Amino acid sequence: MKMDDQMNIKIPRELKENFYFTCKQNRINSSALVRRWIEQFVSEENIDTFSQETRLDLARYMKTRLESSDDRN
């Protein structure tokens, strides 16, 4: 597969550093891991078929988004 495009996301610096550190410690290619997560996300027909871990990640993300929205109001 030709890798000819990029995505840029904003995350807290500490999260990024922890992610790269954890990937390095486990000898995991960080880009390949993110691509795998995206492929899993778009290939699933609905959230009910996601792994328990992915559902928990999505729930944490939504909770954070709701909390940050409440902080702005």
Protein backbone atom coordinates (compact mmCIF):
# COMPACT_ATOMS: atom_id res chain seq x y z
CA MET A 1 0.00 0.00 0.00
CA LYS A 2 1.41 3.38 -0.99
CA MET A 3 1.68 5.79 1.94
CA ASP A 4 1.07 9.10 0.21
CA ASP A 5 -0.93 11.15 2.67
CA GLN A 6 -0.64 12.36 6.24
CA MET A 7 -2.89 13.23 9.17
CA ASN A 8 -2.03 15.82 11.78
CA ILE A 9 -3.74 15.71 15.15
CA LYS A 10 -3.42 17.73 18.31
CA ILE A 11 -2.81 15.87 21.54
CA PRO A 12 -1.23 16.87 24.83
CA ARG A 13 2.57 16.78 24.69
CA GLU A 14 2.76 14.39 27.65
CA LEU A 15 0.41 11.94 25.94
CA LYS A 16 2.49 12.05 22.76
CA GLU A 17 5.72 11.47 24.68
CA ASN A 18 4.19 8.59 26.64
CA PHE A 19 2.81 7.06 23.44
CA TYR A 20 6.18 7.17 21.66
CA PHE A 21 7.99 5.91 24.76
CA THR A 22 5.57 3.00 25.18
CA CYS A 23 5.81 2.10 21.50
CA LYS A 24 9.61 2.18 21.65
CA GLN A 25 9.69 0.03 24.81
CA ASN A 26 7.44 -2.53 23.10
CA ARG A 27 9.24 -2.27 19.74
CA ILE A 28 6.04 -1.19 18.01
CA ASN A 29 6.02 1.15 15.03
CA SER A 30 3.81 4.02 16.20
CA SER A 31 2.58 4.91 12.70
CA ALA A 32 1.68 1.31 11.94
CA LEU A 33 -0.21 1.08 15.22
CA VAL A 34 -2.28 4.21 14.49
CA ARG A 35 -2.99 2.96 10.96
CA ARG A 36 -4.18 -0.36 12.44
CA TRP A 37 -6.52 1.49 14.84
CA ILE A 38 -7.94 3.57 11.98
CA GLU A 39 -8.37 0.50 9.77
CA GLN A 40 -10.22 -1.29 12.59
CA PHE A 41 -12.41 1.74 13.19
CA VAL A 42 -13.47 2.20 9.55
CA SER A 43 -13.84 -1.52 8.82
CA GLU A 44 -16.29 -2.18 11.64
CA GLU A 45 -19.95 -1.75 10.73
CA ASN A 46 -20.97 -0.48 14.14
CA ILE A 47 -19.55 0.19 17.57
CA ASP A 48 -21.06 -3.02 19.00
CA THR A 49 -18.51 -5.07 17.05
CA PHE A 50 -15.50 -3.13 18.36
CA SER A 51 -13.24 -4.79 20.87
CA GLN A 52 -13.94 -4.03 24.52
CA GLU A 53 -10.71 -2.01 24.65
CA THR A 54 -11.71 0.13 21.67
CA ARG A 55 -15.16 0.77 23.16
CA LEU A 56 -13.53 1.86 26.41
CA ASP A 57 -11.15 4.16 24.51
CA LEU A 58 -14.08 5.74 22.67
CA ALA A 59 -16.03 6.16 25.91
CA ARG A 60 -13.07 7.86 27.58
CA TYR A 61 -12.67 10.14 24.57
CA MET A 62 -16.35 11.12 24.58
CA LYS A 63 -16.26 11.75 28.35
CA THR A 64 -13.24 14.02 27.92
CA ARG A 65 -14.95 15.91 25.09
CA LEU A 66 -18.08 16.41 27.19
CA GLU A 67 -16.08 17.59 30.17
CA SER A 68 -14.07 20.05 28.09
CA SER A 69 -17.30 21.32 26.54
CA ASP A 70 -18.77 21.87 30.01
CA ASP A 71 -15.63 23.77 31.07
CA ARG A 72 -16.06 26.22 28.19
CA ASN A 73 -19.67 27.03 29.16
